[in-house]
Amino acid sequence: MGTVPETGWLHWQFAGGSMIPHGATHIENDGTFWNCTNGVWTYWSEVFGWCGYIGTVNQMFLNNKNELGTMYA
């Protein structure tokens, strides 16, 4: 198993066999990590870090997201 490089803004948590980016609040069915803070949604990119979501947040958007706190509590 490899190690994750230390950086000031990147921290990882290990849970259920997945490396979870620091700040992740949700996971999508395809494995994409999401953060929702005060209703603002961002998704995790291995290249860019947290990226802003510019689409509509409706039930269709929310249907394939699972809250991490409920999955790994």
Protein backbone atom coordinates (compact mmCIF):
# COMPACT_ATOMS: atom_id res chain seq x y z
CA MET A 1 0.00 0.00 0.00
CA GLY A 2 1.40 3.42 -0.96
CA THR A 3 1.47 6.57 1.06
CA VAL A 4 -0.22 9.87 0.35
CA PRO A 5 2.11 12.87 0.14
CA GLU A 6 1.76 15.41 2.94
CA THR A 7 0.49 18.82 1.85
CA GLY A 8 -1.06 21.69 3.75
CA TRP A 9 -4.51 21.33 2.21
CA LEU A 10 -4.77 17.61 1.52
CA HIS A 11 -5.59 15.17 4.30
CA TRP A 12 -7.03 11.72 3.86
CA GLN A 13 -9.12 9.47 6.04
CA PHE A 14 -9.27 5.71 5.56
CA ALA A 15 -12.71 4.15 5.87
CA GLY A 16 -14.23 1.08 4.34
CA GLY A 17 -11.37 0.52 1.90
CA SER A 18 -11.54 4.00 0.37
CA MET A 19 -9.30 7.00 0.79
CA ILE A 20 -11.62 9.87 1.65
CA PRO A 21 -10.50 13.46 0.94
CA HIS A 22 -10.57 15.76 3.97
CA GLY A 23 -13.87 17.64 4.08
CA ALA A 24 -15.90 15.07 2.14
CA THR A 25 -19.49 14.88 3.35
CA HIS A 26 -21.05 12.65 0.68
CA ILE A 27 -20.10 9.97 -1.83
CA GLU A 28 -21.76 9.41 -5.19
CA ASN A 29 -22.68 5.95 -6.46
CA ASP A 30 -19.75 6.11 -8.93
CA GLY A 31 -17.25 6.86 -6.12
CA THR A 32 -17.02 10.63 -6.56
CA PHE A 33 -16.59 12.45 -3.24
CA TRP A 34 -18.66 15.55 -2.54
CA ASN A 35 -18.63 18.31 0.05
CA CYS A 36 -21.71 20.30 0.98
CA THR A 37 -21.09 23.33 3.19
CA ASN A 38 -23.93 25.79 3.78
CA GLY A 39 -25.70 24.48 0.67
CA VAL A 40 -22.68 24.97 -1.61
CA TRP A 41 -21.68 21.73 -3.34
CA THR A 42 -18.14 20.86 -4.46
CA TYR A 43 -16.74 17.62 -5.85
CA TRP A 44 -13.27 16.10 -5.46
CA SER A 45 -10.87 16.01 -8.41
CA GLU A 46 -7.57 14.14 -8.07
CA VAL A 47 -5.97 16.83 -10.26
CA PHE A 48 -7.54 20.06 -8.94
CA GLY A 49 -8.83 19.25 -5.44
CA TRP A 50 -12.28 20.59 -4.52
CA CYS A 51 -14.15 22.00 -7.55
CA GLY A 52 -17.38 23.98 -7.49
CA TYR A 53 -20.57 22.38 -8.82
CA ILE A 54 -22.55 24.72 -11.07
CA GLY A 55 -25.62 22.58 -11.86
CA THR A 56 -29.04 22.42 -10.31
CA VAL A 57 -29.33 20.81 -6.87
CA ASN A 58 -32.62 18.94 -7.03
CA GLN A 59 -33.89 15.50 -6.04
CA MET A 60 -32.35 13.92 -9.14
CA PHE A 61 -28.94 15.31 -8.14
CA LEU A 62 -29.33 14.16 -4.54
CA ASN A 63 -30.63 10.66 -5.35
CA ASN A 64 -27.19 9.15 -6.04
CA LYS A 65 -25.38 10.73 -3.07
CA ASN A 66 -24.92 9.05 0.30
CA GLU A 67 -23.98 11.01 3.40
CA LEU A 68 -20.63 9.76 4.69
CA GLY A 69 -21.51 10.34 8.34
CA THR A 70 -24.36 7.87 8.07
CA MET A 71 -22.32 5.32 6.11
CA TYR A 72 -19.26 5.20 8.37
CA ALA A 73 -20.62 6.21 11.75
